[in-house]
N, C-alpha and C. Protein backbone atom coordinates (compact mmCIF):
# COMPACT_ATOMS: atom_id res chain seq x y z
N UNK A 1 -33.96 11.48 -13.90
CA UNK A 1 -33.44 12.60 -13.93
C UNK A 1 -32.71 12.54 -14.60
N UNK A 2 -32.62 13.92 -15.82
CA UNK A 2 -31.26 13.68 -16.17
C UNK A 2 -30.22 14.79 -15.60
N UNK A 3 -29.44 14.77 -16.56
CA UNK A 3 -27.77 15.17 -15.39
C UNK A 3 -28.44 16.69 -15.68
N UNK A 4 -28.73 17.57 -16.54
CA UNK A 4 -29.25 18.85 -16.71
C UNK A 4 -30.03 19.39 -15.60
N UNK A 5 -31.41 18.69 -15.20
CA UNK A 5 -32.16 19.07 -14.11
C UNK A 5 -31.17 18.64 -12.79
N UNK A 6 -30.35 18.07 -12.54
CA UNK A 6 -29.70 17.84 -11.51
C UNK A 6 -29.18 18.41 -11.09
N UNK A 7 -28.39 19.49 -12.34
CA UNK A 7 -27.64 20.67 -11.91
C UNK A 7 -28.29 21.80 -11.66
N UNK A 8 -29.38 22.38 -11.63
CA UNK A 8 -30.19 22.76 -10.95
C UNK A 8 -31.02 22.63 -9.33
N UNK A 9 -30.74 21.56 -9.03
CA UNK A 9 -30.96 20.93 -7.46
C UNK A 9 -29.67 22.13 -6.45
N UNK A 10 -30.43 23.11 -5.99
CA UNK A 10 -29.54 23.65 -4.82
C UNK A 10 -29.51 23.08 -3.43
N UNK A 11 -30.56 22.41 -2.56
CA UNK A 11 -30.48 21.80 -1.48
C UNK A 11 -28.96 21.08 -1.39
N UNK A 12 -28.36 21.26 -0.32
CA UNK A 12 -26.91 20.69 -0.02
C UNK A 12 -27.36 19.67 1.12
N UNK A 13 -26.89 18.37 0.44
CA UNK A 13 -26.75 17.47 1.59
C UNK A 13 -26.03 17.47 2.93
N UNK A 14 -26.44 17.07 4.38
CA UNK A 14 -25.85 17.25 4.80
C UNK A 14 -24.22 16.81 4.76
N UNK A 15 -23.99 15.84 4.38
CA UNK A 15 -22.84 14.87 3.76
C UNK A 15 -21.98 16.18 3.05
N UNK A 16 -22.23 17.13 2.93
CA UNK A 16 -21.44 17.72 1.93
C UNK A 16 -21.50 19.52 2.49
N UNK A 17 -22.39 19.26 3.67
CA UNK A 17 -22.17 20.91 4.28
C UNK A 17 -21.16 21.12 4.79
N UNK A 18 -20.22 20.53 5.22
CA UNK A 18 -18.87 20.61 5.82
C UNK A 18 -18.06 21.59 4.74
N UNK A 19 -18.29 21.33 3.30
CA UNK A 19 -17.64 22.10 2.53
C UNK A 19 -17.98 22.95 2.01
N UNK A 20 -19.26 23.17 2.05
CA UNK A 20 -20.02 24.50 1.85
C UNK A 20 -19.77 25.55 2.76
N UNK A 21 -19.86 24.61 3.95
CA UNK A 21 -19.67 25.98 5.13
C UNK A 21 -18.44 26.68 5.30
N UNK A 22 -17.45 25.80 4.84
CA UNK A 22 -15.78 26.38 4.49
C UNK A 22 -15.60 27.29 3.45
N UNK A 23 -16.45 27.13 2.58
CA UNK A 23 -15.89 27.93 1.43
C UNK A 23 -15.38 29.35 2.08
N UNK A 24 -14.53 30.08 1.56
CA UNK A 24 -13.97 31.16 1.63
C UNK A 24 -13.53 31.14 0.03
N UNK A 25 -13.45 33.05 -0.19
CA UNK A 25 -13.11 33.54 -1.82
C UNK A 25 -13.97 33.12 -2.65
N UNK A 26 -13.11 32.23 -3.28
CA UNK A 26 -14.07 32.34 -4.76
C UNK A 26 -12.78 31.66 -6.21
N UNK A 27 -11.39 31.27 -5.06
CA UNK A 27 -11.03 31.35 -6.36
C UNK A 27 -10.50 29.62 -7.36
N UNK A 28 -11.56 28.95 -6.70
CA UNK A 28 -11.79 27.32 -7.24
C UNK A 28 -11.11 26.53 -6.17
N UNK A 29 -10.38 26.59 -5.51
CA UNK A 29 -9.76 25.58 -4.37
C UNK A 29 -10.93 24.65 -4.11
N UNK A 30 -11.83 25.76 -3.57
CA UNK A 30 -13.04 24.95 -2.30
C UNK A 30 -13.99 24.43 -3.63
N UNK A 31 -14.23 24.12 -4.76
CA UNK A 31 -14.72 22.89 -5.38
C UNK A 31 -14.21 22.02 -5.83
N UNK A 32 -12.47 22.35 -6.44
CA UNK A 32 -11.77 21.14 -6.02
C UNK A 32 -11.81 20.29 -5.15
N UNK A 33 -11.56 20.72 -4.16
CA UNK A 33 -11.73 19.99 -2.33
C UNK A 33 -13.32 19.85 -2.76
N UNK A 34 -14.19 19.85 -2.89
CA UNK A 34 -15.72 19.90 -2.96
C UNK A 34 -15.28 18.34 -3.89
N UNK A 35 -15.35 18.33 -5.03
CA UNK A 35 -15.42 17.32 -5.78
C UNK A 35 -14.36 16.22 -5.26
N UNK A 36 -13.18 16.29 -4.57
CA UNK A 36 -12.45 15.57 -4.36
C UNK A 36 -13.08 14.74 -2.91
N UNK A 37 -13.59 15.25 -1.82
CA UNK A 37 -14.51 14.45 -0.88
C UNK A 37 -15.54 13.79 -1.40
N UNK A 38 -16.39 14.17 -2.97
CA UNK A 38 -17.29 13.52 -3.58
C UNK A 38 -16.36 12.14 -3.93
N UNK A 39 -15.66 12.02 -4.72
CA UNK A 39 -14.81 11.11 -5.58
C UNK A 39 -14.48 10.37 -4.06
N UNK A 40 -13.94 10.93 -2.90
CA UNK A 40 -13.63 10.13 -2.03
C UNK A 40 -14.56 8.90 -1.47
N UNK A 41 -15.74 9.69 -1.10
CA UNK A 41 -17.01 9.19 -0.69
C UNK A 41 -17.06 7.77 -1.43
N UNK A 42 -17.58 7.87 -3.10
CA UNK A 42 -17.95 7.41 -4.12
C UNK A 42 -17.25 6.12 -3.87
N UNK A 43 -15.42 6.26 -3.79
CA UNK A 43 -14.71 5.02 -3.91
C UNK A 43 -15.22 4.03 -2.79
N UNK A 44 -15.35 4.54 -1.38
CA UNK A 44 -15.60 4.25 0.01
C UNK A 44 -16.95 3.19 -0.78
N UNK A 45 -18.29 4.23 -1.14
CA UNK A 45 -19.44 3.85 -0.91
C UNK A 45 -19.68 2.16 -2.45
N UNK A 46 -18.57 2.72 -3.67
CA UNK A 46 -18.65 1.60 -4.62
C UNK A 46 -18.24 0.40 -4.09
N UNK A 47 -17.01 0.24 -2.93
CA UNK A 47 -16.62 -1.02 -2.42
C UNK A 47 -18.05 -1.35 -1.91
N UNK A 48 -18.70 -0.63 -0.99
CA UNK A 48 -20.16 -1.52 -0.35
C UNK A 48 -20.59 -1.70 -1.05
N UNK A 49 -20.79 -1.54 -2.37
CA UNK A 49 -22.03 -1.80 -3.35
C UNK A 49 -21.67 -2.86 -3.78
N UNK A 50 -19.97 -2.82 -4.77
CA UNK A 50 -19.80 -3.89 -5.45
C UNK A 50 -20.41 -5.32 -4.58
N UNK A 51 -20.20 -5.75 -3.70
CA UNK A 51 -20.89 -6.90 -2.62
C UNK A 51 -22.00 -7.21 -3.24
N UNK A 52 -22.82 -6.42 -4.06
CA UNK A 52 -24.66 -6.52 -4.20
C UNK A 52 -24.64 -6.10 -6.08
N UNK A 53 -23.22 -6.64 -6.39
CA UNK A 53 -23.36 -6.25 -7.79
C UNK A 53 -23.84 -4.65 -8.09
N UNK A 54 -23.34 -3.87 -7.70
CA UNK A 54 -23.98 -2.79 -8.05
C UNK A 54 -22.16 -1.80 -8.30
N UNK A 55 -22.88 -0.64 -8.53
CA UNK A 55 -21.49 0.36 -8.76
C UNK A 55 -22.36 1.69 -8.88
N UNK A 56 -20.93 2.50 -7.75
CA UNK A 56 -21.56 3.61 -7.47
C UNK A 56 -20.64 4.98 -8.03
N UNK A 57 -20.69 5.81 -8.64
CA UNK A 57 -19.83 6.23 -9.03
C UNK A 57 -20.45 8.22 -9.04
N UNK A 58 -19.78 9.44 -9.28
CA UNK A 58 -19.76 10.45 -9.32
C UNK A 58 -20.52 10.52 -10.69
N UNK A 59 -21.46 11.47 -11.38
CA UNK A 59 -21.27 11.91 -13.00
C UNK A 59 -20.90 13.41 -13.08
N UNK A 60 -20.07 13.63 -14.13
CA UNK A 60 -19.73 14.45 -14.18
C UNK A 60 -19.77 15.96 -14.06
N UNK A 61 -20.91 16.50 -13.80
CA UNK A 61 -21.00 17.49 -12.99
C UNK A 61 -20.58 17.29 -11.62
N UNK A 62 -20.30 16.62 -11.00
CA UNK A 62 -20.48 16.41 -9.62
C UNK A 62 -21.19 16.87 -8.56
N UNK A 63 -22.35 16.53 -9.43
CA UNK A 63 -24.01 17.31 -8.58
C UNK A 63 -24.82 15.99 -8.42
N UNK A 64 -24.81 14.91 -9.72
CA UNK A 64 -25.46 13.99 -8.86
C UNK A 64 -24.69 12.65 -8.49
N UNK A 65 -25.24 11.23 -7.87
CA UNK A 65 -24.26 10.01 -8.16
C UNK A 65 -25.34 9.15 -9.26
N UNK A 66 -24.51 8.15 -9.08
CA UNK A 66 -25.38 7.00 -10.52
C UNK A 66 -24.65 5.59 -10.02
N UNK A 67 -26.00 5.45 -9.33
CA UNK A 67 -26.07 3.84 -8.66
C UNK A 67 -26.51 3.09 -10.16
N UNK A 68 -25.60 2.21 -10.63
CA UNK A 68 -25.77 1.19 -11.40
C UNK A 68 -25.96 -0.40 -11.31
N UNK A 69 -26.57 -1.18 -11.69
CA UNK A 69 -26.06 -2.42 -11.61
C UNK A 69 -25.70 -3.36 -12.54
N UNK A 70 -25.03 -4.26 -12.62
CA UNK A 70 -24.58 -5.31 -13.97
C UNK A 70 -25.26 -5.50 -15.33
N UNK A 71 -26.54 -5.00 -15.25
CA UNK A 71 -27.04 -5.31 -16.26
C UNK A 71 -27.18 -4.11 -17.21
N UNK A 72 -27.33 -3.22 -16.77
CA UNK A 72 -27.42 -1.78 -17.43
C UNK A 72 -28.64 -0.83 -16.70
N UNK A 73 -28.57 -0.81 -15.81
CA UNK A 73 -30.15 0.06 -15.19
C UNK A 73 -29.35 0.75 -14.36
N UNK A 74 -29.58 1.96 -14.19
CA UNK A 74 -28.98 2.90 -13.22
C UNK A 74 -30.10 3.54 -12.78
N UNK A 75 -29.37 4.42 -11.76
CA UNK A 75 -30.33 5.22 -11.09
C UNK A 75 -29.40 6.55 -10.76
N UNK A 76 -30.03 7.70 -10.68
CA UNK A 76 -29.39 9.20 -10.55
C UNK A 76 -29.54 9.26 -8.86
N UNK A 77 -29.04 9.63 -8.02
CA UNK A 77 -29.49 9.76 -6.98
C UNK A 77 -28.79 11.32 -6.12
N UNK A 78 -29.29 12.33 -5.78
CA UNK A 78 -29.25 13.36 -4.95
C UNK A 78 -27.97 13.59 -4.20
N UNK A 79 -27.75 12.51 -3.18
CA UNK A 79 -27.02 12.85 -2.39
C UNK A 79 -27.47 11.33 -1.47
N UNK A 80 -26.11 10.89 -0.54
CA UNK A 80 -26.06 9.41 -0.02
C UNK A 80 -27.23 9.19 0.70
N UNK A 81 -28.31 10.00 1.17
CA UNK A 81 -29.14 10.21 1.99
C UNK A 81 -30.20 9.40 1.29
N UNK A 82 -29.79 9.34 -0.32
CA UNK A 82 -30.84 7.95 -1.55
C UNK A 82 -31.00 7.02 -1.78
N UNK A 83 -29.19 7.37 -1.44
CA UNK A 83 -28.58 5.76 -2.32
C UNK A 83 -29.32 4.45 -1.57
N UNK A 84 -29.54 4.00 -0.68
CA UNK A 84 -29.98 2.80 -0.24
C UNK A 84 -30.75 2.59 -0.59
N UNK A 85 -32.22 3.61 -0.74
CA UNK A 85 -33.24 3.45 -1.51
C UNK A 85 -33.09 2.53 -2.80
N UNK A 86 -32.40 3.42 -3.62
CA UNK A 86 -31.87 3.18 -5.12
C UNK A 86 -31.32 1.86 -5.51
N UNK A 87 -30.16 1.67 -4.56
CA UNK A 87 -29.59 0.19 -4.27
C UNK A 87 -30.82 -0.89 -4.24
N UNK A 88 -31.50 -0.53 -3.42
CA UNK A 88 -32.15 -1.89 -3.25
C UNK A 88 -33.68 -1.70 -4.39
N UNK A 89 -33.62 -0.61 -5.05
CA UNK A 89 -34.72 -0.96 -6.07
C UNK A 89 -34.12 -1.24 -7.13
N UNK A 90 -32.50 -1.27 -7.59
CA UNK A 90 -31.99 -1.84 -8.49
C UNK A 90 -31.52 -3.45 -8.27
N UNK A 91 -31.49 -3.73 -6.87
CA UNK A 91 -31.63 -5.40 -6.76
C UNK A 91 -32.62 -6.15 -6.94
N UNK A 92 -33.57 -5.57 -6.11
CA UNK A 92 -34.78 -5.81 -6.12
C UNK A 92 -34.93 -6.83 -4.41
N UNK A 93 -34.50 -6.24 -3.79
CA UNK A 93 -34.05 -6.53 -2.25
C UNK A 93 -33.53 -6.33 -1.46
N UNK A 94 -34.31 -5.94 -0.35
CA UNK A 94 -33.21 -4.99 1.21
C UNK A 94 -32.01 -5.60 1.37
N UNK A 95 -31.44 -4.41 0.90
CA UNK A 95 -29.78 -4.86 1.53
C UNK A 95 -29.45 -4.84 3.21
N UNK A 96 -28.30 -5.31 3.46
CA UNK A 96 -28.42 -5.55 4.52
C UNK A 96 -26.75 -4.32 5.15
N UNK A 97 -26.24 -3.38 5.51
CA UNK A 97 -24.86 -3.12 5.78
C UNK A 97 -24.37 -3.56 6.20
N UNK A 98 -24.95 -4.31 7.60
CA UNK A 98 -24.53 -5.04 8.35
C UNK A 98 -24.07 -6.76 8.25
N UNK A 99 -24.32 -7.19 6.93
CA UNK A 99 -24.52 -8.57 6.57
C UNK A 99 -22.76 -8.99 6.61
N UNK A 100 -22.64 -9.67 7.50
CA UNK A 100 -21.09 -10.05 7.72
C UNK A 100 -20.27 -10.59 6.53
N UNK A 101 -20.80 -10.96 5.64
CA UNK A 101 -20.08 -11.50 4.36
C UNK A 101 -19.37 -10.08 3.88
N UNK A 102 -20.65 -8.54 3.75
CA UNK A 102 -20.04 -8.13 3.74
C UNK A 102 -18.86 -7.34 4.55
N UNK A 103 -18.89 -7.46 5.40
CA UNK A 103 -17.95 -6.96 6.59
C UNK A 103 -16.54 -7.53 6.20
N UNK A 104 -16.77 -8.90 6.39
CA UNK A 104 -15.61 -9.63 5.80
C UNK A 104 -15.05 -9.47 4.56
N UNK A 105 -15.45 -9.46 3.65
CA UNK A 105 -14.43 -8.93 2.47
C UNK A 105 -14.02 -7.42 2.11
N UNK A 106 -15.14 -6.45 3.12
CA UNK A 106 -14.22 -5.15 3.18
C UNK A 106 -13.12 -5.02 4.21
N UNK A 107 -12.95 -6.36 4.90
CA UNK A 107 -11.34 -6.31 5.88
C UNK A 107 -11.06 -7.23 5.14
N UNK A 108 -11.01 -8.40 4.38
CA UNK A 108 -10.34 -9.01 3.86
C UNK A 108 -9.29 -8.44 2.92
N UNK A 109 -10.25 -6.96 2.01
CA UNK A 109 -9.61 -6.27 0.73
C UNK A 109 -9.18 -5.09 1.11
N UNK A 110 -7.89 -5.06 1.66
CA UNK A 110 -7.98 -3.74 1.87
C UNK A 110 -8.12 -2.58 0.99
N UNK A 111 -8.57 -1.67 1.37
CA UNK A 111 -8.49 -0.15 0.21
C UNK A 111 -7.69 0.21 -0.43
N UNK A 112 -8.29 0.59 -1.50
CA UNK A 112 -7.18 1.25 -2.54
C UNK A 112 -6.95 2.66 -2.38
N UNK A 113 -5.85 3.26 -2.79
CA UNK A 113 -5.78 4.84 -2.96
C UNK A 113 -5.96 5.17 -1.54
N UNK A 114 -5.62 4.86 -0.38
CA UNK A 114 -5.77 5.32 0.86
C UNK A 114 -6.80 6.22 1.21
N UNK A 115 -8.09 4.75 0.98
CA UNK A 115 -9.32 5.25 1.38
C UNK A 115 -9.70 5.42 3.31
N UNK A 116 -8.60 4.66 3.46
CA UNK A 116 -9.06 4.47 5.15
C UNK A 116 -9.75 3.25 5.37
N UNK A 117 -10.68 2.83 4.36
CA UNK A 117 -11.81 1.46 4.69
C UNK A 117 -12.92 2.44 4.74
N UNK A 118 -14.06 1.02 4.88
CA UNK A 118 -15.15 1.75 4.51
C UNK A 118 -15.60 1.65 6.01
């Protein structure tokens, strides 16, 4: 899906509903907070997926996320709910979020920028 089509998606995933429900006014502060939270989530997820050779980041419009492998293949996902399936398609194998090597690597390397860990 192209980024333009992604901009027309109106369904909000539950991971972002708290921010949507708290919107009051319209002074742009809510949009800044929404983007800040998306960036924070993307940093945490990126640390987890890096273990399997993937990267994860928010797109420029803050409407979709990009999951990519080191070979240049990528997929757009609308929410964290679609993330794991896309990651497995890109790696070509099932991924285990409870993999001991992943957990050990996350514990060994403290979270940058005050992410608080994954």
